[in-house]
Amino acid sequence: MDNHIVSPSDKRNDISIIGEGSSAGGVYGKVKVVGDSSFNDSLVCDQFKCTGTSVVNGSLESTDIKITGTLTLTERIVDHEGGDLTQGTGLHAKAEKMKVVGELHLSGDCQAEIFKLNGRCTVGGMLTAEHMTLRIMGPSEAREIGGSIISVKNGRGKLLEGLFTSNASNPSILKANMIEGDNIELENTVAEVVRGDQIKIGPGCRIGTVEYRSSLQIHSQSEVLVQRNRSVD
């Protein structure tokens, strides 16, 4: 008789939170949230699906992440002998596929093969994906953005109407220090440097320096201070 005992590495347990609840971090199969949830430590799972609000006190790694609502990754703070000890080094979100309809907030890096956003985001570190589609609704920012194909446009859609306001004091603009990729198309973007092969600067952009190789298009309603053709370097 085979006495093999199934270990946690062989089978990952699923977890569901309906309504309002909290859970420890750890390693899971499918994680499903409908409502408001919090996780007390970093999560590693096969699938993370949230309809509502999720706060993870740590990092999140999953093959597939789908958010309809808000996902916030925050540093875990532990009370240690009467003092506060912050354990947030390397805070990150990582997935093969990540789709956010709503909001994403984290102080570290966000990495995916395919990343889609319809809403707003604040990424304190690097936002990277091979294929990135951002539909911006509300003020958004990332320190650096990188990928193969990057598309940033003004977000539209009835699903999010009324959730985000866009006016002079709260504009739907993406801000970044650096945006680098192969094929880049931007709208409503403020960046210090944009670097790539084929670059299209659409309306509503203010760019410090654009460095391109094959082609560059600049909309009449955008401003680029410096243009550099790197094909001759």
C-alpha atoms as a PDB file:
ATOM      1  CA  MET A   1       0.000   0.000   0.000  1.00  0.00           C
ATOM      2  CA  ASP A   2       1.200   3.470  -0.827  1.00  0.00           C
ATOM      3  CA  ASN A   3       1.444   5.437   2.411  1.00  0.00           C
ATOM      4  CA  HIS A   4       2.378   8.695   0.683  1.00  0.00           C
ATOM      5  CA  ILE A   5       0.935  11.688   2.533  1.00  0.00           C
ATOM      6  CA  VAL A   6      -0.111  14.688   0.443  1.00  0.00           C
ATOM      7  CA  SER A   7       2.060  17.629   1.436  1.00  0.00           C
ATOM      8  CA  PRO A   8       1.177  21.337   1.092  1.00  0.00           C
ATOM      9  CA  SER A   9       3.408  21.486  -1.985  1.00  0.00           C
ATOM     10  CA  ASP A  10       1.291  18.760  -3.655  1.00  0.00           C
ATOM     11  CA  LYS A  11      -2.093  20.333  -3.030  1.00  0.00           C
ATOM     12  CA  ARG A  12      -2.865  23.944  -2.228  1.00  0.00           C
ATOM     13  CA  ASN A  13      -6.009  24.728  -0.289  1.00  0.00           C
ATOM     14  CA  ASP A  14      -8.485  27.253  -1.656  1.00  0.00           C
ATOM     15  CA  ILE A  15      -9.867  30.108   0.398  1.00  0.00           C
ATOM     16  CA  SER A  16     -12.988  32.274   0.017  1.00  0.00           C
ATOM     17  CA  ILE A  17     -13.948  35.415   1.899  1.00  0.00           C
ATOM     18  CA  ILE A  18     -17.550  36.538   1.460  1.00  0.00           C
ATOM     19  CA  GLY A  19     -18.628  39.790   3.082  1.00  0.00           C
ATOM     20  CA  GLU A  20     -16.053  41.129   5.531  1.00  0.00           C
ATOM     21  CA  GLY A  21     -13.185  39.044   6.835  1.00  0.00           C
ATOM     22  CA  SER A  22      -9.477  38.543   7.310  1.00  0.00           C
ATOM     23  CA  SER A  23      -7.016  35.720   6.847  1.00  0.00           C
ATOM     24  CA  ALA A  24      -3.413  34.838   7.377  1.00  0.00           C
ATOM     25  CA  GLY A  25      -1.025  34.981   4.479  1.00  0.00           C
ATOM     26  CA  GLY A  26       0.634  31.898   3.068  1.00  0.00           C
ATOM     27  CA  VAL A  27       0.409  29.583   0.087  1.00  0.00           C
ATOM     28  CA  TYR A  28      -3.006  28.786  -1.441  1.00  0.00           C
ATOM     29  CA  GLY A  29      -4.638  27.499  -4.591  1.00  0.00           C
ATOM     30  CA  LYS A  30      -7.507  29.802  -5.500  1.00  0.00           C
ATOM     31  CA  VAL A  31      -8.232  32.890  -3.395  1.00  0.00           C
ATOM     32  CA  LYS A  32     -11.649  34.478  -3.892  1.00  0.00           C
ATOM     33  CA  VAL A  33     -12.868  37.658  -2.223  1.00  0.00           C
ATOM     34  CA  VAL A  34     -16.357  39.131  -2.544  1.00  0.00           C
ATOM     35  CA  GLY A  35     -16.574  42.085  -0.172  1.00  0.00           C
ATOM     36  CA  ASP A  36     -13.874  43.535   2.089  1.00  0.00           C
ATOM     37  CA  SER A  37     -10.845  41.477   3.069  1.00  0.00           C
ATOM     38  CA  SER A  38      -7.448  41.790   4.677  1.00  0.00           C
ATOM     39  CA  PHE A  39      -4.508  39.385   4.707  1.00  0.00           C
ATOM     40  CA  ASN A  40      -2.008  39.544   7.535  1.00  0.00           C
ATOM     41  CA  ASP A  41       1.051  38.509   5.555  1.00  0.00           C
ATOM     42  CA  SER A  42       2.300  37.899   2.009  1.00  0.00           C
ATOM     43  CA  LEU A  43       0.280  35.666  -0.330  1.00  0.00           C
ATOM     44  CA  VAL A  44       1.358  33.136  -2.950  1.00  0.00           C
ATOM     45  CA  CYS A  45      -1.483  31.525  -4.878  1.00  0.00           C
ATOM     46  CA  ASP A  46      -2.534  30.059  -8.218  1.00  0.00           C
ATOM     47  CA  GLN A  47      -5.363  32.572  -8.694  1.00  0.00           C
ATOM     48  CA  PHE A  48      -6.378  35.720  -6.824  1.00  0.00           C
ATOM     49  CA  LYS A  49      -9.806  37.124  -7.624  1.00  0.00           C
ATOM     50  CA  CYS A  50     -11.320  40.061  -5.762  1.00  0.00           C
ATOM     51  CA  THR A  51     -14.645  41.804  -6.238  1.00  0.00           C
ATOM     52  CA  GLY A  52     -14.575  44.498  -3.599  1.00  0.00           C
ATOM     53  CA  THR A  53     -11.611  45.620  -1.494  1.00  0.00           C
ATOM     54  CA  SER A  54      -8.511  43.674  -0.514  1.00  0.00           C
ATOM     55  CA  VAL A  55      -5.583  44.780   1.631  1.00  0.00           C
ATOM     56  CA  VAL A  56      -2.514  42.542   1.721  1.00  0.00           C
ATOM     57  CA  ASN A  57       0.027  43.272   4.453  1.00  0.00           C
ATOM     58  CA  GLY A  58       2.891  42.057   2.311  1.00  0.00           C
ATOM     59  CA  SER A  59       3.480  40.949  -1.276  1.00  0.00           C
ATOM     60  CA  LEU A  60       1.184  39.109  -3.682  1.00  0.00           C
ATOM     61  CA  GLU A  61       2.335  36.493  -6.202  1.00  0.00           C
ATOM     62  CA  SER A  62      -0.129  34.635  -8.396  1.00  0.00           C
ATOM     63  CA  THR A  63      -0.444  33.200 -11.880  1.00  0.00           C
ATOM     64  CA  ASP A  64      -3.671  35.142 -12.447  1.00  0.00           C
ATOM     65  CA  ILE A  65      -4.832  38.285 -10.602  1.00  0.00           C
ATOM     66  CA  LYS A  66      -8.257  39.817 -11.293  1.00  0.00           C
ATOM     67  CA  ILE A  67      -9.451  42.856  -9.377  1.00  0.00           C
ATOM     68  CA  THR A  68     -12.818  44.552  -9.658  1.00  0.00           C
ATOM     69  CA  GLY A  69     -12.569  47.162  -6.940  1.00  0.00           C
ATOM     70  CA  THR A  70      -9.410  48.007  -4.997  1.00  0.00           C
ATOM     71  CA  LEU A  71      -6.216  46.113  -4.192  1.00  0.00           C
ATOM     72  CA  THR A  72      -3.708  47.631  -1.767  1.00  0.00           C
ATOM     73  CA  LEU A  73      -0.381  46.076  -0.826  1.00  0.00           C
ATOM     74  CA  THR A  74       1.080  47.613   2.294  1.00  0.00           C
ATOM     75  CA  GLU A  75       4.079  46.996   4.487  1.00  0.00           C
ATOM     76  CA  ARG A  76       3.540  44.635   7.381  1.00  0.00           C
ATOM     77  CA  ILE A  77       4.241  46.322  10.701  1.00  0.00           C
ATOM     78  CA  VAL A  78       4.987  44.113  13.672  1.00  0.00           C
ATOM     79  CA  ASP A  79       5.104  45.225  17.275  1.00  0.00           C
ATOM     80  CA  HIS A  80       8.466  44.011  18.585  1.00  0.00           C
ATOM     81  CA  GLU A  81       9.287  44.426  22.267  1.00  0.00           C
ATOM     82  CA  GLY A  82       7.262  47.568  22.607  1.00  0.00           C
ATOM     83  CA  GLY A  83       8.437  49.132  19.363  1.00  0.00           C
ATOM     84  CA  ASP A  84       7.229  49.112  15.778  1.00  0.00           C
ATOM     85  CA  LEU A  85       9.251  46.988  13.376  1.00  0.00           C
ATOM     86  CA  THR A  86       8.488  47.443   9.702  1.00  0.00           C
ATOM     87  CA  GLN A  87       8.900  44.337   7.515  1.00  0.00           C
ATOM     88  CA  GLY A  88       8.195  45.558   4.000  1.00  0.00           C
ATOM     89  CA  THR A  89      11.482  45.134   2.169  1.00  0.00           C
ATOM     90  CA  GLY A  90      10.896  43.986  -1.408  1.00  0.00           C
ATOM     91  CA  LEU A  91       7.150  44.548  -1.331  1.00  0.00           C
ATOM     92  CA  HIS A  92       5.789  43.570  -4.759  1.00  0.00           C
ATOM     93  CA  ALA A  93       2.968  42.205  -6.878  1.00  0.00           C
ATOM     94  CA  LYS A  94       3.817  39.563  -9.475  1.00  0.00           C
ATOM     95  CA  ALA A  95       1.626  37.658 -11.936  1.00  0.00           C
ATOM     96  CA  GLU A  96       1.512  36.190 -15.424  1.00  0.00           C
ATOM     97  CA  LYS A  97      -1.815  37.922 -16.080  1.00  0.00           C
ATOM     98  CA  MET A  98      -3.117  40.870 -14.078  1.00  0.00           C
ATOM     99  CA  LYS A  99      -6.339  42.769 -14.754  1.00  0.00           C
ATOM    100  CA  VAL A 100      -7.543  45.643 -12.588  1.00  0.00           C
ATOM    101  CA  VAL A 101     -10.900  47.364 -13.018  1.00  0.00           C
ATOM    102  CA  GLY A 102     -10.726  49.932 -10.256  1.00  0.00           C
ATOM    103  CA  GLU A 103      -7.627  50.780  -8.213  1.00  0.00           C
ATOM    104  CA  LEU A 104      -4.197  49.321  -7.505  1.00  0.00           C
ATOM    105  CA  HIS A 105      -1.889  50.749  -4.830  1.00  0.00           C
ATOM    106  CA  LEU A 106       1.516  49.525  -3.673  1.00  0.00           C
ATOM    107  CA  SER A 107       4.818  51.078  -2.627  1.00  0.00           C
ATOM    108  CA  GLY A 108       7.022  48.516  -4.385  1.00  0.00           C
ATOM    109  CA  ASP A 109       7.221  46.923  -7.845  1.00  0.00           C
ATOM    110  CA  CYS A 110       4.488  45.394 -10.003  1.00  0.00           C
ATOM    111  CA  GLN A 111       5.447  42.813 -12.638  1.00  0.00           C
ATOM    112  CA  ALA A 112       3.317  40.824 -15.093  1.00  0.00           C
ATOM    113  CA  GLU A 113       3.469  39.298 -18.548  1.00  0.00           C
ATOM    114  CA  ILE A 114       0.105  40.886 -19.423  1.00  0.00           C
ATOM    115  CA  PHE A 115      -1.141  43.870 -17.414  1.00  0.00           C
ATOM    116  CA  LYS A 116      -4.476  45.620 -18.005  1.00  0.00           C
ATOM    117  CA  LEU A 117      -5.847  48.529 -15.997  1.00  0.00           C
ATOM    118  CA  ASN A 118      -9.091  50.431 -16.324  1.00  0.00           C
ATOM    119  CA  GLY A 119      -9.023  52.869 -13.409  1.00  0.00           C
ATOM    120  CA  ARG A 120      -6.118  54.309 -11.467  1.00  0.00           C
ATOM    121  CA  CYS A 121      -2.893  53.105  -9.896  1.00  0.00           C
ATOM    122  CA  THR A 122      -0.052  54.230  -7.659  1.00  0.00           C
ATOM    123  CA  VAL A 123       3.091  52.129  -7.951  1.00  0.00           C
ATOM    124  CA  GLY A 124       6.000  53.349  -5.873  1.00  0.00           C
ATOM    125  CA  GLY A 125       8.552  51.261  -7.762  1.00  0.00           C
ATOM    126  CA  MET A 126       8.644  49.805 -11.273  1.00  0.00           C
ATOM    127  CA  LEU A 127       5.576  48.776 -13.294  1.00  0.00           C
ATOM    128  CA  THR A 128       6.682  46.256 -15.923  1.00  0.00           C
ATOM    129  CA  ALA A 129       4.862  43.988 -18.391  1.00  0.00           C
ATOM    130  CA  GLU A 130       5.464  42.583 -21.852  1.00  0.00           C
ATOM    131  CA  HIS A 131       2.027  43.820 -22.938  1.00  0.00           C
ATOM    132  CA  MET A 132       0.626  46.735 -20.949  1.00  0.00           C
ATOM    133  CA  THR A 133      -2.716  48.480 -21.509  1.00  0.00           C
ATOM    134  CA  LEU A 134      -3.600  51.332 -19.167  1.00  0.00           C
ATOM    135  CA  ARG A 135      -6.946  53.132 -19.364  1.00  0.00           C
ATOM    136  CA  ILE A 136      -6.458  55.947 -16.876  1.00  0.00           C
ATOM    137  CA  MET A 137      -9.404  57.190 -14.814  1.00  0.00           C
ATOM    138  CA  GLY A 138      -8.118  59.428 -12.035  1.00  0.00           C
ATOM    139  CA  PRO A 139      -4.612  60.522 -10.988  1.00  0.00           C
ATOM    140  CA  SER A 140      -2.060  57.712 -11.404  1.00  0.00           C
ATOM    141  CA  GLU A 141       1.682  57.320 -11.067  1.00  0.00           C
ATOM    142  CA  ALA A 142       4.586  54.909 -11.231  1.00  0.00           C
ATOM    143  CA  ARG A 143       8.261  55.622 -10.720  1.00  0.00           C
ATOM    144  CA  GLU A 144       9.286  53.703 -13.856  1.00  0.00           C
ATOM    145  CA  ILE A 145       7.277  51.890 -16.530  1.00  0.00           C
ATOM    146  CA  GLY A 146       8.765  49.275 -18.828  1.00  0.00           C
ATOM    147  CA  GLY A 147       7.592  46.712 -21.354  1.00  0.00           C
ATOM    148  CA  SER A 148       7.500  45.599 -24.951  1.00  0.00           C
ATOM    149  CA  ILE A 149       4.122  47.082 -25.924  1.00  0.00           C
ATOM    150  CA  ILE A 150       2.834  49.965 -23.778  1.00  0.00           C
ATOM    151  CA  SER A 151      -0.495  51.723 -24.369  1.00  0.00           C
ATOM    152  CA  VAL A 152      -1.739  54.531 -22.113  1.00  0.00           C
ATOM    153  CA  LYS A 153      -5.074  56.131 -22.937  1.00  0.00           C
ATOM    154  CA  ASN A 154      -7.874  58.067 -21.314  1.00  0.00           C
ATOM    155  CA  GLY A 155     -10.147  55.543 -19.603  1.00  0.00           C
ATOM    156  CA  ARG A 156     -13.774  55.312 -20.600  1.00  0.00           C
ATOM    157  CA  GLY A 157     -16.569  52.978 -19.631  1.00  0.00           C
ATOM    158  CA  LYS A 158     -19.922  52.965 -17.892  1.00  0.00           C
ATOM    159  CA  LEU A 159     -18.749  50.458 -15.274  1.00  0.00           C
ATOM    160  CA  LEU A 160     -16.578  53.043 -13.536  1.00  0.00           C
ATOM    161  CA  GLU A 161     -18.640  56.146 -14.137  1.00  0.00           C
ATOM    162  CA  GLY A 162     -19.102  58.050 -10.908  1.00  0.00           C
ATOM    163  CA  LEU A 163     -16.263  56.260  -9.097  1.00  0.00           C
ATOM    164  CA  PHE A 164     -13.582  58.589 -10.371  1.00  0.00           C
ATOM    165  CA  THR A 165     -13.831  62.333 -10.821  1.00  0.00           C
ATOM    166  CA  SER A 166     -11.726  64.126 -13.376  1.00  0.00           C
ATOM    167  CA  ASN A 167     -11.299  67.850 -13.082  1.00  0.00           C
ATOM    168  CA  ALA A 168      -8.600  70.483 -12.843  1.00  0.00           C
ATOM    169  CA  SER A 169      -7.632  69.460  -9.307  1.00  0.00           C
ATOM    170  CA  ASN A 170      -8.023  65.710  -9.844  1.00  0.00           C
ATOM    171  CA  PRO A 171      -7.031  64.977 -13.456  1.00  0.00           C
ATOM    172  CA  SER A 172      -6.883  61.583 -15.170  1.00  0.00           C
ATOM    173  CA  ILE A 173      -3.146  61.776 -15.803  1.00  0.00           C
ATOM    174  CA  LEU A 174      -0.389  59.197 -15.519  1.00  0.00           C
ATOM    175  CA  LYS A 175       2.919  60.463 -14.100  1.00  0.00           C
ATOM    176  CA  ALA A 176       6.242  58.629 -14.381  1.00  0.00           C
ATOM    177  CA  ASN A 177       9.935  59.420 -14.246  1.00  0.00           C
ATOM    178  CA  MET A 178      10.800  56.978 -17.038  1.00  0.00           C
ATOM    179  CA  ILE A 179       8.794  55.050 -19.643  1.00  0.00           C
ATOM    180  CA  GLU A 180      10.769  52.573 -21.748  1.00  0.00           C
ATOM    181  CA  GLY A 181       9.612  49.998 -24.290  1.00  0.00           C
ATOM    182  CA  ASP A 182       9.593  48.926 -27.920  1.00  0.00           C
ATOM    183  CA  ASN A 183       6.194  50.151 -29.103  1.00  0.00           C
ATOM    184  CA  ILE A 184       4.811  53.017 -26.985  1.00  0.00           C
ATOM    185  CA  GLU A 185       1.547  54.951 -27.363  1.00  0.00           C
ATOM    186  CA  LEU A 186       0.689  57.595 -24.784  1.00  0.00           C
ATOM    187  CA  GLU A 187      -2.171  59.919 -23.891  1.00  0.00           C
ATOM    188  CA  ASN A 188      -2.610  62.131 -20.815  1.00  0.00           C
ATOM    189  CA  THR A 189       0.895  61.313 -19.623  1.00  0.00           C
ATOM    190  CA  VAL A 190       3.511  63.407 -17.838  1.00  0.00           C
ATOM    191  CA  ALA A 191       7.018  61.902 -17.932  1.00  0.00           C
ATOM    192  CA  GLU A 192      10.603  63.037 -17.670  1.00  0.00           C
ATOM    193  CA  VAL A 193      11.950  60.524 -20.220  1.00  0.00           C
ATOM    194  CA  VAL A 194      10.248  58.304 -22.822  1.00  0.00           C
ATOM    195  CA  ARG A 195      12.553  55.882 -24.621  1.00  0.00           C
ATOM    196  CA  GLY A 196      11.675  53.331 -27.290  1.00  0.00           C
ATOM    197  CA  ASP A 197      11.666  52.169 -30.899  1.00  0.00           C
ATOM    198  CA  GLN A 198       8.267  53.330 -32.209  1.00  0.00           C
ATOM    199  CA  ILE A 199       6.700  56.107 -30.144  1.00  0.00           C
ATOM    200  CA  LYS A 200       3.378  57.875 -30.551  1.00  0.00           C
ATOM    201  CA  ILE A 201       2.694  60.831 -28.256  1.00  0.00           C
ATOM    202  CA  GLY A 202      -1.057  61.424 -28.266  1.00  0.00           C
ATOM    203  CA  PRO A 203      -3.024  64.355 -26.798  1.00  0.00           C
ATOM    204  CA  GLY A 204      -2.605  65.646 -23.264  1.00  0.00           C
ATOM    205  CA  CYS A 205       1.075  64.741 -22.767  1.00  0.00           C
ATOM    206  CA  ARG A 206       4.008  66.681 -21.324  1.00  0.00           C
ATOM    207  CA  ILE A 207       7.302  64.919 -21.916  1.00  0.00           C
ATOM    208  CA  GLY A 208      10.778  66.181 -21.036  1.00  0.00           C
ATOM    209  CA  THR A 209      12.873  64.037 -23.397  1.00  0.00           C
ATOM    210  CA  VAL A 210      11.830  61.503 -26.047  1.00  0.00           C
ATOM    211  CA  GLU A 211      14.486  59.111 -27.360  1.00  0.00           C
ATOM    212  CA  TYR A 212      13.353  57.019 -30.347  1.00  0.00           C
ATOM    213  CA  ARG A 213      14.849  54.806 -33.035  1.00  0.00           C
ATOM    214  CA  SER A 214      12.363  54.016 -35.828  1.00  0.00           C
ATOM    215  CA  SER A 215       9.545  56.553 -35.618  1.00  0.00           C
ATOM    216  CA  LEU A 216       8.079  59.385 -33.542  1.00  0.00           C
ATOM    217  CA  GLN A 217       4.656  61.051 -33.758  1.00  0.00           C
ATOM    218  CA  ILE A 218       3.678  63.983 -31.555  1.00  0.00           C
ATOM    219  CA  HIS A 219       0.116  65.290 -31.240  1.00  0.00           C
ATOM    220  CA  SER A 220      -0.385  69.033 -31.607  1.00  0.00           C
ATOM    221  CA  GLN A 221      -1.953  69.135 -28.131  1.00  0.00           C
ATOM    222  CA  SER A 222       1.125  67.696 -26.460  1.00  0.00           C
ATOM    223  CA  GLU A 223       4.504  69.107 -25.489  1.00  0.00           C
ATOM    224  CA  VAL A 224       7.912  67.464 -25.905  1.00  0.00           C
ATOM    225  CA  LEU A 225      10.895  69.547 -24.854  1.00  0.00           C
ATOM    226  CA  VAL A 226      13.698  67.429 -26.354  1.00  0.00           C
ATOM    227  CA  GLN A 227      13.646  64.892 -29.210  1.00  0.00           C
ATOM    228  CA  ARG A 228      16.550  62.533 -29.863  1.00  0.00           C
ATOM    229  CA  ASN A 229      16.807  60.057 -32.726  1.00  0.00           C
ATOM    230  CA  ARG A 230      18.917  57.150 -31.455  1.00  0.00           C
ATOM    231  CA  SER A 231      18.977  55.307 -34.805  1.00  0.00           C
ATOM    232  CA  VAL A 232      22.175  57.147 -35.718  1.00  0.00           C
ATOM    233  CA  ASP A 233      23.997  56.276 -32.501  1.00  0.00           C
END
